[in-house]
Protein backbone atom coordinates (compact mmCIF):
# COMPACT_ATOMS: atom_id res chain seq x y z
CA MET A 1 2.65 -19.15 -68.87
CA LEU A 2 0.91 -22.44 -69.22
CA PHE A 3 2.50 -25.82 -69.99
CA CYS A 4 1.06 -28.95 -71.64
CA PRO A 5 0.38 -31.67 -69.03
CA THR A 6 1.09 -34.32 -71.69
CA CYS A 7 4.41 -33.23 -73.21
CA SER A 8 5.44 -30.19 -71.10
CA SER A 9 5.58 -27.83 -74.03
CA VAL A 10 4.62 -24.17 -73.56
CA LEU A 11 1.02 -23.70 -74.61
CA LEU A 12 0.40 -21.05 -77.30
CA ILE A 13 -2.63 -18.82 -77.38
CA ASP A 14 -4.98 -19.30 -80.32
CA LYS A 15 -4.76 -15.83 -82.00
CA ALA A 16 -7.92 -16.39 -84.00
CA THR A 17 -10.29 -16.88 -81.06
CA SER A 18 -8.23 -16.01 -77.99
CA THR A 19 -10.37 -18.48 -76.04
CA LYS A 20 -8.02 -21.44 -75.93
CA PHE A 21 -4.38 -22.45 -75.63
CA ALA A 22 -2.99 -25.15 -77.88
CA CYS A 23 0.05 -27.29 -77.65
CA PRO A 24 2.35 -27.04 -80.63
CA ARG A 25 3.62 -30.65 -80.23
CA CYS A 26 0.51 -32.70 -79.35
CA PRO A 27 -3.29 -32.32 -79.76
CA TYR A 28 -3.83 -30.99 -76.24
CA ILE A 29 -6.05 -27.89 -75.99
CA TYR A 30 -6.81 -25.82 -72.89
CA TYR A 31 -10.05 -23.76 -73.07
CA VAL A 32 -10.32 -20.58 -71.08
CA ASP A 33 -13.51 -18.84 -69.80
CA GLY A 34 -13.81 -15.48 -71.50
CA GLN A 35 -10.93 -14.19 -73.62
CA ALA A 36 -7.20 -14.56 -72.96
CA THR A 37 -4.90 -11.64 -73.51
CA LEU A 38 -1.17 -11.58 -74.15
CA GLN A 39 0.76 -8.97 -72.14
CA LEU A 40 4.40 -8.37 -72.67
CA GLN A 41 6.54 -6.19 -70.48
CA ASN A 42 9.82 -4.95 -71.97
CA GLU A 43 11.98 -2.96 -69.61
CA PRO A 44 14.97 -1.36 -71.30
CA LEU A 45 18.36 -2.30 -69.89
CA PRO A 46 20.63 0.52 -68.72
CA VAL A 47 23.18 1.52 -71.38
CA ASN A 48 26.75 1.20 -70.25
CA PRO A 49 29.64 2.40 -72.30
CA VAL A 50 31.40 -0.60 -73.91
CA ILE A 51 34.75 1.10 -73.81
CA THR A 52 35.60 3.77 -71.24
CA GLY A 53 38.09 6.54 -71.70
CA GLU A 54 40.16 4.92 -68.98
CA GLN A 55 40.43 1.66 -71.03
CA LEU A 56 41.41 3.68 -74.11
CA GLN A 57 44.17 5.54 -72.28
CA ASP A 58 45.62 2.08 -71.30
CA GLY A 59 45.93 1.32 -75.02
CA ALA A 60 48.86 2.06 -77.24
CA LYS A 61 49.65 5.67 -78.31
CA VAL A 62 49.67 5.66 -82.10
CA LYS A 63 50.00 8.20 -84.93
CA GLU A 64 46.39 8.60 -86.10
CA GLU A 65 44.73 11.89 -87.09
CA CYS A 66 41.72 12.95 -85.08
CA PRO A 67 38.72 13.72 -87.35
CA ASN A 68 37.62 16.37 -84.83
CA CYS A 69 40.71 18.47 -84.14
CA ASN A 70 43.32 17.03 -86.58
CA HIS A 71 45.73 16.18 -83.74
CA ASP A 72 48.12 13.46 -84.98
CA MET A 73 48.26 11.24 -81.83
CA ALA A 74 45.58 8.97 -80.40
CA TYR A 75 45.23 6.09 -77.99
CA CYS A 76 44.21 2.82 -79.62
CA ILE A 77 42.80 -0.53 -78.59
CA MET A 78 41.49 -3.37 -80.70
CA PHE A 79 38.54 -5.78 -80.18
CA GLN A 80 36.99 -8.52 -82.24
CA THR A 81 33.48 -7.13 -82.59
CA ARG A 82 32.41 -9.06 -85.68
CA SER A 83 32.90 -12.64 -86.87
CA SER A 84 36.36 -14.11 -86.56
CA ASP A 85 36.98 -14.12 -90.29
CA GLU A 86 36.69 -10.32 -90.37
CA PRO A 87 39.39 -7.82 -89.17
CA MET A 88 39.35 -6.49 -85.65
CA THR A 89 37.74 -3.14 -84.87
CA ARG A 90 40.17 -0.37 -83.74
CA PHE A 91 38.92 2.16 -81.25
CA PHE A 92 40.68 5.49 -80.92
CA MET A 93 40.67 8.43 -78.48
CA CYS A 94 42.41 11.70 -79.36
CA CYS A 95 45.21 12.52 -76.96
CA ASP A 96 44.31 16.25 -77.27
CA CYS A 97 40.51 16.70 -77.41
CA LYS A 98 39.46 13.19 -76.10
CA ASN A 99 37.26 12.67 -79.17
CA ARG A 100 36.46 8.97 -79.80
CA TRP A 101 35.98 7.10 -83.07
CA LYS A 102 36.40 3.62 -84.48
CA ASN A 103 37.85 2.09 -87.58
CA ASP A 104 36.38 -1.23 -88.90
CA GLN A 105 39.11 -1.88 -91.51
């Protein structure tokens, strides 16, 4: 990554020629010998469960029908997953088959 010596902005590669970097804030241009390439490395982050079964079992036991086995009791916890003017999301885990689902009502 290159920075402008005049205003300290990040220099952007000229996509048309790929032989110079230009400052987006001032007229500074940095010429390169040959052709510059842009290389991005994206490493995926490990996926961790947001809510574990243990956390769900710490929640309240409520009367809610499981869509998997039709058992009528489930553990329930609530989180604000969207903007604050929208209702909380309820997460359920069946007491019988351990199936998990959510309700965004």
